[in-house]
N, C-alpha and C. Protein backbone atom coordinates (compact mmCIF):
# COMPACT_ATOMS: atom_id res chain seq x y z
N SER A 1 60.97 176.77 142.99
CA SER A 1 61.92 175.92 143.69
C SER A 1 61.36 174.51 143.79
N SER A 2 62.20 173.49 143.65
CA SER A 2 61.75 172.11 143.78
C SER A 2 61.87 171.62 145.22
N TRP A 3 62.30 172.48 146.13
CA TRP A 3 62.39 172.11 147.55
C TRP A 3 61.02 172.20 148.17
N ILE A 4 60.69 171.26 149.02
CA ILE A 4 59.41 171.28 149.72
C ILE A 4 59.70 171.49 151.20
N LEU A 5 59.08 172.50 151.76
CA LEU A 5 59.36 172.92 153.13
C LEU A 5 58.24 172.51 154.06
N GLN A 6 58.60 171.91 155.17
CA GLN A 6 57.66 171.58 156.23
C GLN A 6 58.00 172.48 157.42
N VAL A 7 56.98 173.10 158.00
CA VAL A 7 57.20 174.01 159.12
C VAL A 7 56.59 173.40 160.37
N ASN A 8 57.42 173.25 161.40
CA ASN A 8 56.97 172.75 162.70
C ASN A 8 57.27 173.80 163.75
N SER A 9 56.53 173.72 164.86
CA SER A 9 56.71 174.69 165.95
C SER A 9 57.16 173.97 167.22
N PHE A 10 57.90 174.70 168.03
CA PHE A 10 58.22 174.21 169.36
C PHE A 10 58.54 175.40 170.25
N VAL A 11 58.44 175.19 171.56
CA VAL A 11 58.70 176.25 172.53
C VAL A 11 59.95 175.87 173.31
N LEU A 12 60.84 176.85 173.45
CA LEU A 12 62.05 176.66 174.23
C LEU A 12 62.23 177.90 175.10
N TYR A 13 62.30 177.71 176.41
CA TYR A 13 62.43 178.84 177.35
C TYR A 13 61.39 179.93 177.08
N ASN A 14 60.15 179.50 176.91
CA ASN A 14 59.00 180.39 176.70
C ASN A 14 59.07 181.21 175.41
N VAL A 15 59.87 180.78 174.46
CA VAL A 15 59.92 181.44 173.15
C VAL A 15 59.46 180.44 172.10
N LEU A 16 58.54 180.88 171.23
CA LEU A 16 58.05 180.03 170.16
C LEU A 16 59.03 180.07 168.99
N TYR A 17 59.45 178.89 168.54
CA TYR A 17 60.37 178.76 167.41
C TYR A 17 59.68 177.99 166.29
N LYS A 18 60.15 178.23 165.08
CA LYS A 18 59.71 177.47 163.91
C LYS A 18 60.91 176.72 163.36
N TRP A 19 60.65 175.48 163.02
CA TRP A 19 61.67 174.61 162.43
C TRP A 19 61.27 174.43 160.98
N LEU A 20 62.02 175.03 160.06
CA LEU A 20 61.75 174.95 158.63
C LEU A 20 62.63 173.85 158.06
N ASP A 21 62.01 172.78 157.61
CA ASP A 21 62.73 171.57 157.22
C ASP A 21 62.45 171.22 155.76
N LEU A 22 63.51 170.99 155.00
CA LEU A 22 63.36 170.54 153.62
C LEU A 22 63.02 169.06 153.65
N ILE A 23 61.75 168.73 153.41
CA ILE A 23 61.33 167.34 153.58
C ILE A 23 61.64 166.47 152.37
N ASN A 24 61.88 167.05 151.23
CA ASN A 24 62.17 166.22 150.07
C ASN A 24 63.60 166.37 149.58
N SER A 25 64.47 166.88 150.43
CA SER A 25 65.82 167.19 149.97
C SER A 25 66.59 165.95 149.55
N LYS A 26 66.23 164.79 150.07
CA LYS A 26 66.94 163.57 149.69
C LYS A 26 66.28 162.87 148.50
N ALA A 27 65.13 163.35 148.08
CA ALA A 27 64.39 162.65 147.03
C ALA A 27 65.17 162.58 145.73
N ILE A 28 65.82 163.53 145.38
CA ILE A 28 66.82 163.69 144.33
C ILE A 28 66.56 165.00 143.62
N ASP A 29 67.52 165.84 143.69
CA ASP A 29 67.49 167.10 142.97
C ASP A 29 68.03 166.76 141.58
N THR A 30 67.18 166.83 140.60
CA THR A 30 67.59 166.41 139.26
C THR A 30 68.67 167.30 138.67
N ASN A 31 68.95 168.43 139.31
CA ASN A 31 70.06 169.27 138.84
C ASN A 31 71.41 168.61 139.06
N VAL A 32 71.50 167.65 139.96
CA VAL A 32 72.79 166.99 140.19
C VAL A 32 73.01 165.83 139.24
N VAL A 33 71.96 165.42 138.53
CA VAL A 33 72.09 164.29 137.61
C VAL A 33 72.78 164.78 136.34
N LYS A 34 73.90 164.19 136.06
CA LYS A 34 74.69 164.60 134.91
C LYS A 34 74.24 163.86 133.66
N ILE A 35 73.92 164.62 132.63
CA ILE A 35 73.45 164.03 131.38
C ILE A 35 74.63 163.57 130.52
N GLU A 36 75.74 164.23 130.63
CA GLU A 36 76.91 163.86 129.86
C GLU A 36 78.10 163.76 130.79
N PRO A 37 79.17 163.14 130.48
CA PRO A 37 79.42 162.38 129.25
C PRO A 37 78.98 160.92 129.41
N PHE A 38 78.61 160.34 128.33
CA PHE A 38 78.30 158.91 128.29
C PHE A 38 79.33 158.21 127.44
N TRP A 39 79.48 156.93 127.72
CA TRP A 39 80.47 156.16 126.96
C TRP A 39 80.04 156.01 125.51
N HIS A 40 78.73 155.99 125.28
CA HIS A 40 78.22 155.82 123.93
C HIS A 40 77.51 157.09 123.49
N ILE A 41 77.96 157.69 122.42
CA ILE A 41 77.38 158.94 121.91
C ILE A 41 75.89 158.78 121.63
N ASP A 42 75.48 157.64 121.09
CA ASP A 42 74.07 157.45 120.76
C ASP A 42 73.18 157.57 122.00
N LYS A 43 73.68 157.17 123.16
CA LYS A 43 72.90 157.33 124.40
C LYS A 43 72.74 158.80 124.75
N THR A 44 73.79 159.59 124.54
CA THR A 44 73.72 161.02 124.86
C THR A 44 72.61 161.68 124.05
N GLU A 45 72.52 161.39 122.77
CA GLU A 45 71.47 161.96 121.93
C GLU A 45 70.08 161.49 122.38
N TYR A 46 69.98 160.22 122.72
CA TYR A 46 68.72 159.66 123.22
C TYR A 46 68.29 160.40 124.48
N ILE A 47 69.23 160.63 125.37
CA ILE A 47 68.93 161.31 126.64
C ILE A 47 68.47 162.73 126.40
N LYS A 48 69.20 163.45 125.57
CA LYS A 48 68.80 164.84 125.30
C LYS A 48 67.40 164.91 124.72
N LYS A 49 67.04 163.92 123.95
CA LYS A 49 65.73 163.90 123.29
C LYS A 49 64.61 163.58 124.29
N ASN A 50 64.85 162.75 125.29
CA ASN A 50 63.79 162.25 126.16
C ASN A 50 63.76 162.83 127.57
N ILE A 51 64.82 163.46 127.99
CA ILE A 51 64.92 163.85 129.40
C ILE A 51 63.91 164.92 129.82
N GLU A 52 63.59 165.83 128.94
CA GLU A 52 62.73 166.95 129.34
C GLU A 52 61.35 166.50 129.82
N ASN A 53 60.73 165.57 129.10
CA ASN A 53 59.41 165.08 129.52
C ASN A 53 59.49 164.36 130.86
N GLU A 54 60.52 163.56 131.05
CA GLU A 54 60.67 162.84 132.32
C GLU A 54 60.92 163.82 133.48
N LEU A 55 61.76 164.82 133.24
CA LEU A 55 62.02 165.80 134.30
C LEU A 55 60.75 166.57 134.65
N ASN A 56 59.97 166.93 133.64
CA ASN A 56 58.71 167.63 133.90
C ASN A 56 57.76 166.79 134.74
N LYS A 57 57.66 165.50 134.40
CA LYS A 57 56.79 164.60 135.16
C LYS A 57 57.29 164.46 136.60
N TYR A 58 58.60 164.26 136.76
CA TYR A 58 59.19 164.09 138.09
C TYR A 58 58.99 165.35 138.92
N HIS A 59 59.25 166.51 138.34
CA HIS A 59 59.08 167.78 139.07
C HIS A 59 57.62 168.02 139.43
N SER A 60 56.72 167.63 138.56
CA SER A 60 55.29 167.78 138.86
C SER A 60 54.90 166.96 140.08
N ILE A 61 55.41 165.74 140.16
CA ILE A 61 55.14 164.89 141.33
C ILE A 61 55.75 165.52 142.58
N LEU A 62 56.99 166.02 142.47
CA LEU A 62 57.66 166.66 143.61
C LEU A 62 56.89 167.89 144.08
N GLU A 63 56.47 168.73 143.13
CA GLU A 63 55.79 169.97 143.49
C GLU A 63 54.45 169.71 144.17
N ASN A 64 53.84 168.58 143.89
CA ASN A 64 52.58 168.22 144.56
C ASN A 64 52.82 167.56 145.91
N LYS A 65 54.08 167.52 146.35
CA LYS A 65 54.45 166.96 147.65
C LYS A 65 54.00 165.51 147.80
N GLN A 66 54.06 164.78 146.71
CA GLN A 66 53.52 163.42 146.73
C GLN A 66 54.51 162.39 146.18
N LEU A 67 55.79 162.64 146.23
CA LEU A 67 56.74 161.73 145.60
C LEU A 67 56.65 160.32 146.17
N TYR A 68 56.78 160.17 147.47
CA TYR A 68 56.77 158.84 148.06
C TYR A 68 55.38 158.20 147.95
N GLU A 69 54.33 159.00 148.06
CA GLU A 69 52.99 158.49 147.89
C GLU A 69 52.76 157.99 146.46
N TRP A 70 53.30 158.74 145.50
CA TRP A 70 53.16 158.34 144.10
C TRP A 70 53.89 157.01 143.86
N PHE A 71 55.10 156.90 144.37
CA PHE A 71 55.83 155.64 144.23
C PHE A 71 55.11 154.51 144.96
N GLU A 72 54.53 154.81 146.11
CA GLU A 72 53.79 153.78 146.85
C GLU A 72 52.63 153.23 146.00
N SER A 73 51.88 154.13 145.35
CA SER A 73 50.75 153.66 144.53
C SER A 73 51.23 152.84 143.34
N GLU A 74 52.37 153.19 142.79
CA GLU A 74 52.92 152.41 141.67
C GLU A 74 53.41 151.05 142.15
N VAL A 75 54.10 151.02 143.27
CA VAL A 75 54.64 149.76 143.81
C VAL A 75 53.50 148.83 144.23
N GLU A 76 52.40 149.39 144.74
CA GLU A 76 51.25 148.55 145.14
C GLU A 76 50.70 147.76 143.96
N GLN A 77 50.86 148.29 142.75
CA GLN A 77 50.36 147.62 141.55
C GLN A 77 51.30 146.52 141.06
N ASP A 78 52.48 146.45 141.64
CA ASP A 78 53.47 145.45 141.24
C ASP A 78 53.05 144.08 141.78
N SER A 79 52.93 143.12 140.91
CA SER A 79 52.44 141.80 141.30
C SER A 79 53.40 141.05 142.22
N ASP A 80 54.68 141.47 142.28
CA ASP A 80 55.66 140.79 143.13
C ASP A 80 55.62 141.26 144.58
N ILE A 81 54.82 142.26 144.88
CA ILE A 81 54.77 142.82 146.23
C ILE A 81 53.52 142.31 146.95
N SER A 82 53.75 141.64 148.06
CA SER A 82 52.62 141.10 148.81
C SER A 82 52.56 141.64 150.24
N CYS A 83 53.52 142.47 150.62
CA CYS A 83 53.53 143.00 151.98
C CYS A 83 52.81 144.34 152.04
N GLU A 84 52.50 144.76 153.26
CA GLU A 84 51.86 146.05 153.46
C GLU A 84 52.88 147.17 153.27
N LEU A 85 52.46 148.21 152.59
CA LEU A 85 53.36 149.33 152.31
C LEU A 85 52.92 150.56 153.09
N SER A 86 53.87 151.46 153.30
CA SER A 86 53.59 152.75 153.92
C SER A 86 54.54 153.76 153.31
N ARG A 87 54.26 155.03 153.55
CA ARG A 87 55.13 156.08 153.05
C ARG A 87 56.55 155.90 153.60
N ASP A 88 56.67 155.57 154.88
CA ASP A 88 57.99 155.41 155.50
C ASP A 88 58.77 154.26 154.87
N ILE A 89 58.10 153.15 154.61
CA ILE A 89 58.77 152.01 153.96
C ILE A 89 59.22 152.40 152.57
N ILE A 90 58.33 153.03 151.81
CA ILE A 90 58.67 153.45 150.44
C ILE A 90 59.83 154.43 150.46
N LYS A 91 59.80 155.41 151.36
CA LYS A 91 60.88 156.39 151.43
C LYS A 91 62.22 155.71 151.70
N LYS A 92 62.26 154.81 152.68
CA LYS A 92 63.50 154.11 153.02
C LYS A 92 64.02 153.31 151.82
N GLU A 93 63.14 152.58 151.15
CA GLU A 93 63.57 151.75 150.02
C GLU A 93 63.89 152.61 148.79
N PHE A 94 63.16 153.70 148.61
CA PHE A 94 63.42 154.64 147.52
C PHE A 94 64.84 155.19 147.64
N LEU A 95 65.18 155.64 148.85
CA LEU A 95 66.52 156.19 149.08
C LEU A 95 67.59 155.12 148.91
N SER A 96 67.28 153.89 149.28
CA SER A 96 68.23 152.79 149.07
C SER A 96 68.49 152.57 147.58
N VAL A 97 67.44 152.65 146.79
CA VAL A 97 67.60 152.48 145.33
C VAL A 97 68.48 153.60 144.77
N LEU A 98 68.24 154.82 145.20
CA LEU A 98 69.00 155.95 144.66
C LEU A 98 70.45 155.98 145.11
N PHE A 99 70.68 155.69 146.38
CA PHE A 99 72.00 155.95 146.95
C PHE A 99 72.85 154.72 147.20
N SER A 100 72.40 153.57 146.74
CA SER A 100 73.24 152.37 146.91
C SER A 100 73.62 151.82 145.53
N LYS A 101 74.25 150.69 145.52
CA LYS A 101 74.72 150.08 144.28
C LYS A 101 73.57 149.82 143.33
N ILE A 102 73.89 149.76 142.05
CA ILE A 102 72.88 149.58 141.01
C ILE A 102 72.18 148.23 141.14
N GLU A 103 72.94 147.17 141.40
CA GLU A 103 72.37 145.83 141.47
C GLU A 103 71.50 145.68 142.72
N ILE A 104 70.35 145.03 142.55
CA ILE A 104 69.42 144.79 143.66
C ILE A 104 69.12 143.30 143.72
N ASP A 105 69.27 142.72 144.89
CA ASP A 105 68.86 141.33 145.11
C ASP A 105 67.36 141.36 145.41
N GLU A 106 66.57 141.10 144.38
CA GLU A 106 65.12 141.24 144.52
C GLU A 106 64.50 140.17 145.41
N ASP A 107 65.20 139.07 145.63
CA ASP A 107 64.69 138.07 146.57
C ASP A 107 64.74 138.63 148.00
N LYS A 108 65.81 139.36 148.32
CA LYS A 108 65.95 139.95 149.64
C LYS A 108 65.21 141.28 149.76
N HIS A 109 65.12 142.01 148.65
CA HIS A 109 64.57 143.38 148.67
C HIS A 109 63.53 143.56 147.56
N PRO A 110 62.38 142.91 147.65
CA PRO A 110 61.39 143.02 146.57
C PRO A 110 60.84 144.43 146.37
N ILE A 111 60.74 145.21 147.44
CA ILE A 111 60.23 146.57 147.29
C ILE A 111 61.22 147.42 146.51
N ARG A 112 62.51 147.28 146.80
CA ARG A 112 63.53 148.00 146.03
C ARG A 112 63.45 147.63 144.56
N GLY A 113 63.25 146.34 144.29
CA GLY A 113 63.11 145.90 142.90
C GLY A 113 61.92 146.55 142.23
N ALA A 114 60.80 146.64 142.95
CA ALA A 114 59.60 147.26 142.40
C ALA A 114 59.81 148.76 142.18
N ILE A 115 60.52 149.41 143.09
CA ILE A 115 60.81 150.84 142.93
C ILE A 115 61.70 151.05 141.71
N ARG A 116 62.70 150.21 141.56
CA ARG A 116 63.59 150.33 140.40
C ARG A 116 62.81 150.09 139.10
N ARG A 117 61.89 149.12 139.10
CA ARG A 117 61.06 148.89 137.91
C ARG A 117 60.17 150.09 137.61
N THR A 118 59.68 150.74 138.68
CA THR A 118 58.87 151.94 138.49
C THR A 118 59.70 153.06 137.87
N TRP A 119 60.93 153.24 138.38
CA TRP A 119 61.85 154.21 137.76
C TRP A 119 62.03 153.87 136.28
N SER A 120 62.29 152.61 136.01
CA SER A 120 62.58 152.17 134.65
C SER A 120 61.38 152.38 133.72
N GLU A 121 60.18 152.18 134.25
CA GLU A 121 58.98 152.34 133.42
C GLU A 121 58.64 153.81 133.18
N HIS A 122 58.73 154.63 134.22
CA HIS A 122 58.27 156.02 134.12
C HIS A 122 59.39 157.03 133.86
N PHE A 123 60.60 156.72 134.27
CA PHE A 123 61.73 157.65 134.14
C PHE A 123 62.97 156.92 133.62
N PRO A 124 62.87 156.22 132.49
CA PRO A 124 64.01 155.41 132.04
C PRO A 124 65.26 156.23 131.72
N THR A 125 65.09 157.40 131.18
CA THR A 125 66.24 158.22 130.82
C THR A 125 66.91 158.78 132.07
N LEU A 126 66.11 159.24 132.99
CA LEU A 126 66.64 159.75 134.26
C LEU A 126 67.35 158.63 135.02
N LEU A 127 66.77 157.44 135.02
CA LEU A 127 67.41 156.29 135.67
C LEU A 127 68.74 155.96 134.99
N MET A 128 68.79 156.06 133.68
CA MET A 128 70.04 155.80 132.96
C MET A 128 71.12 156.80 133.39
N CYS A 129 70.75 158.05 133.55
CA CYS A 129 71.70 159.07 134.01
C CYS A 129 72.17 158.79 135.44
N ILE A 130 71.23 158.41 136.29
CA ILE A 130 71.57 158.09 137.68
C ILE A 130 72.52 156.90 137.72
N ASP A 131 72.19 155.87 136.97
CA ASP A 131 73.06 154.68 136.93
C ASP A 131 74.43 155.01 136.38
N ASN A 132 74.48 155.89 135.40
CA ASN A 132 75.77 156.28 134.83
C ASN A 132 76.63 156.98 135.89
N MET A 133 76.01 157.82 136.70
CA MET A 133 76.75 158.51 137.76
C MET A 133 77.26 157.52 138.80
N LYS A 134 76.50 156.43 139.03
CA LYS A 134 76.86 155.46 140.06
C LYS A 134 77.76 154.34 139.54
N LEU A 135 78.06 154.35 138.25
CA LEU A 135 78.78 153.25 137.63
C LEU A 135 80.10 152.91 138.33
N TYR A 136 80.90 153.90 138.62
CA TYR A 136 82.20 153.64 139.25
C TYR A 136 82.23 153.99 140.73
N ASN A 137 81.25 154.77 141.17
CA ASN A 137 81.17 155.10 142.59
C ASN A 137 79.70 155.34 142.92
N TYR A 138 79.06 154.30 143.46
CA TYR A 138 77.62 154.39 143.70
C TYR A 138 77.25 155.51 144.67
N ALA A 139 78.19 155.98 145.47
CA ALA A 139 77.90 157.03 146.44
C ALA A 139 77.96 158.43 145.83
N SER A 140 78.32 158.53 144.55
CA SER A 140 78.51 159.85 143.95
C SER A 140 77.23 160.69 143.96
N ILE A 141 76.07 160.07 143.78
CA ILE A 141 74.82 160.84 143.82
C ILE A 141 74.58 161.38 145.21
N ALA A 142 74.82 160.58 146.23
CA ALA A 142 74.64 161.05 147.61
C ALA A 142 75.57 162.23 147.88
N TYR A 143 76.82 162.14 147.43
CA TYR A 143 77.77 163.24 147.63
C TYR A 143 77.28 164.50 146.92
N GLU A 144 76.85 164.34 145.69
CA GLU A 144 76.36 165.50 144.92
C GLU A 144 75.13 166.12 145.57
N MET A 145 74.22 165.28 146.06
CA MET A 145 73.03 165.79 146.74
C MET A 145 73.40 166.56 148.00
N GLN A 146 74.33 166.02 148.77
CA GLN A 146 74.77 166.71 149.99
C GLN A 146 75.40 168.05 149.65
N LYS A 147 76.21 168.10 148.60
CA LYS A 147 76.83 169.37 148.20
C LYS A 147 75.77 170.36 147.75
N THR A 148 74.79 169.90 146.98
CA THR A 148 73.72 170.79 146.49
C THR A 148 72.90 171.32 147.65
N GLU A 149 72.54 170.42 148.56
CA GLU A 149 71.76 170.80 149.75
C GLU A 149 72.53 171.80 150.61
N SER A 150 73.79 171.52 150.88
CA SER A 150 74.63 172.42 151.68
C SER A 150 74.77 173.77 151.02
N ASN A 151 75.02 173.75 149.72
CA ASN A 151 75.16 175.00 148.99
C ASN A 151 73.87 175.82 149.09
N PHE A 152 72.73 175.17 148.92
CA PHE A 152 71.46 175.88 149.00
C PHE A 152 71.25 176.48 150.39
N VAL A 153 71.43 175.67 151.42
CA VAL A 153 71.17 176.13 152.78
C VAL A 153 72.17 177.19 153.21
N PHE A 154 73.47 176.91 153.04
CA PHE A 154 74.49 177.81 153.58
C PHE A 154 74.82 178.99 152.67
N ASN A 155 74.90 178.78 151.38
CA ASN A 155 75.31 179.86 150.47
C ASN A 155 74.15 180.65 149.90
N TYR A 156 72.94 180.16 150.09
CA TYR A 156 71.79 180.91 149.60
C TYR A 156 70.89 181.34 150.76
N VAL A 157 70.29 180.38 151.46
CA VAL A 157 69.33 180.71 152.52
C VAL A 157 70.00 181.47 153.66
N CYS A 158 71.06 180.93 154.22
CA CYS A 158 71.73 181.59 155.36
C CYS A 158 72.26 182.97 154.97
N LYS A 159 72.83 183.06 153.79
CA LYS A 159 73.36 184.35 153.34
C LYS A 159 72.24 185.38 153.24
N ARG A 160 71.09 184.97 152.69
CA ARG A 160 69.96 185.90 152.58
C ARG A 160 69.38 186.26 153.94
N ILE A 161 69.34 185.30 154.85
CA ILE A 161 68.86 185.60 156.21
C ILE A 161 69.77 186.66 156.84
N ASN A 162 71.07 186.47 156.72
CA ASN A 162 72.02 187.44 157.29
C ASN A 162 71.91 188.81 156.63
N ASN A 163 71.74 188.84 155.31
CA ASN A 163 71.72 190.10 154.57
C ASN A 163 70.38 190.82 154.62
N GLU A 164 69.28 190.07 154.73
CA GLU A 164 67.96 190.68 154.61
C GLU A 164 67.15 190.70 155.91
N ILE A 165 67.26 189.67 156.71
CA ILE A 165 66.38 189.54 157.87
C ILE A 165 67.11 189.87 159.17
N HIS A 166 68.38 189.62 159.23
CA HIS A 166 69.21 189.97 160.38
C HIS A 166 68.67 189.40 161.69
N CYS A 167 68.45 188.10 161.72
CA CYS A 167 67.99 187.46 162.95
C CYS A 167 68.91 186.30 163.30
N HIS A 168 68.84 185.87 164.54
CA HIS A 168 69.59 184.69 164.96
C HIS A 168 68.87 183.45 164.46
N PHE A 169 69.63 182.47 164.02
CA PHE A 169 69.04 181.23 163.56
C PHE A 169 70.04 180.10 163.78
N CYS A 170 69.54 178.90 163.63
CA CYS A 170 70.37 177.72 163.82
C CYS A 170 70.10 176.78 162.64
N THR A 171 71.13 176.17 162.09
CA THR A 171 70.94 175.17 161.05
C THR A 171 71.12 173.78 161.64
N ILE A 172 70.30 172.87 161.17
CA ILE A 172 70.42 171.46 161.54
C ILE A 172 70.26 170.68 160.23
N HIS A 173 71.37 170.26 159.67
CA HIS A 173 71.39 169.58 158.37
C HIS A 173 70.69 170.45 157.33
N ASP A 174 69.52 170.02 156.85
CA ASP A 174 68.81 170.78 155.82
C ASP A 174 67.66 171.59 156.40
N SER A 175 67.74 171.90 157.68
CA SER A 175 66.68 172.65 158.36
C SER A 175 67.24 173.92 158.97
N ILE A 176 66.32 174.87 159.19
CA ILE A 176 66.69 176.13 159.85
C ILE A 176 65.69 176.35 160.98
N VAL A 177 66.21 176.69 162.15
CA VAL A 177 65.36 176.99 163.31
C VAL A 177 65.47 178.48 163.58
N VAL A 178 64.30 179.13 163.69
CA VAL A 178 64.26 180.58 163.89
C VAL A 178 63.14 180.93 164.87
N PRO A 179 63.26 182.10 165.52
CA PRO A 179 62.13 182.57 166.30
C PRO A 179 60.91 182.72 165.38
N GLU A 180 59.75 182.42 165.91
CA GLU A 180 58.52 182.37 165.13
C GLU A 180 58.26 183.64 164.32
N LYS A 181 58.58 184.79 164.87
CA LYS A 181 58.24 186.05 164.18
C LYS A 181 58.98 186.22 162.85
N TYR A 182 60.05 185.45 162.62
CA TYR A 182 60.80 185.54 161.36
C TYR A 182 60.47 184.43 160.37
N ALA A 183 59.68 183.47 160.79
CA ALA A 183 59.46 182.26 159.98
C ALA A 183 58.88 182.55 158.60
N ASN A 184 57.88 183.42 158.51
CA ASN A 184 57.27 183.70 157.20
C ASN A 184 58.26 184.34 156.23
N ASP A 185 59.07 185.26 156.73
CA ASP A 185 60.07 185.89 155.86
C ASP A 185 61.11 184.87 155.38
N ILE A 186 61.49 183.97 156.25
CA ILE A 186 62.48 182.96 155.88
C ILE A 186 61.86 181.92 154.95
N LYS A 187 60.60 181.61 155.16
CA LYS A 187 59.91 180.68 154.27
C LYS A 187 59.91 181.23 152.85
N LYS A 188 59.74 182.54 152.72
CA LYS A 188 59.75 183.17 151.39
C LYS A 188 61.12 182.99 150.72
N ILE A 189 62.18 183.03 151.49
CA ILE A 189 63.52 182.81 150.94
C ILE A 189 63.61 181.39 150.40
N PHE A 190 63.14 180.41 151.15
CA PHE A 190 63.13 179.02 150.67
C PHE A 190 62.33 178.89 149.38
N ASP A 191 61.23 179.63 149.30
CA ASP A 191 60.33 179.50 148.15
C ASP A 191 60.82 180.23 146.89
N ASP A 192 61.74 181.17 147.06
CA ASP A 192 62.23 181.92 145.89
C ASP A 192 62.96 181.03 144.92
């Protein structure tokens, strides 16, 4: 699974609960990126030829739970960036690049520009697919990600919890809250 789960604990009315949260769910599930159709056939062939290596590299970074840290190290090397960076800043700007309009005013948003250049340098084919999806409706990737995330949580995880574990739970966006004694079993469902 390309989902990365963070587990936190809290106590409510003397009961220990675990909050299982998909921490990279907004990073971009490459399954929602549509490779076809393109306006130019030659681009489609180019994409099919190059996408596998880029997806493997991207998934490798995701699986190491270092996506925003990896982008931070790349952006730090950008000569146009003179401000202090952090994971939180990179995450905010990364999501802005993915889920907003293609054009970036680099004078106002130099970090976004650096992130887009990093995408272009390391994942040019994937970026081309993302841009193609955003061409007529820049919010389409966000919609697709929300649908994928909802489908995973509600139609896969929740269904398996009901069918296999039979415990009470609560969903909060892309997270599930359960009594602590069920957390390991539910974590296994996320990991499948």
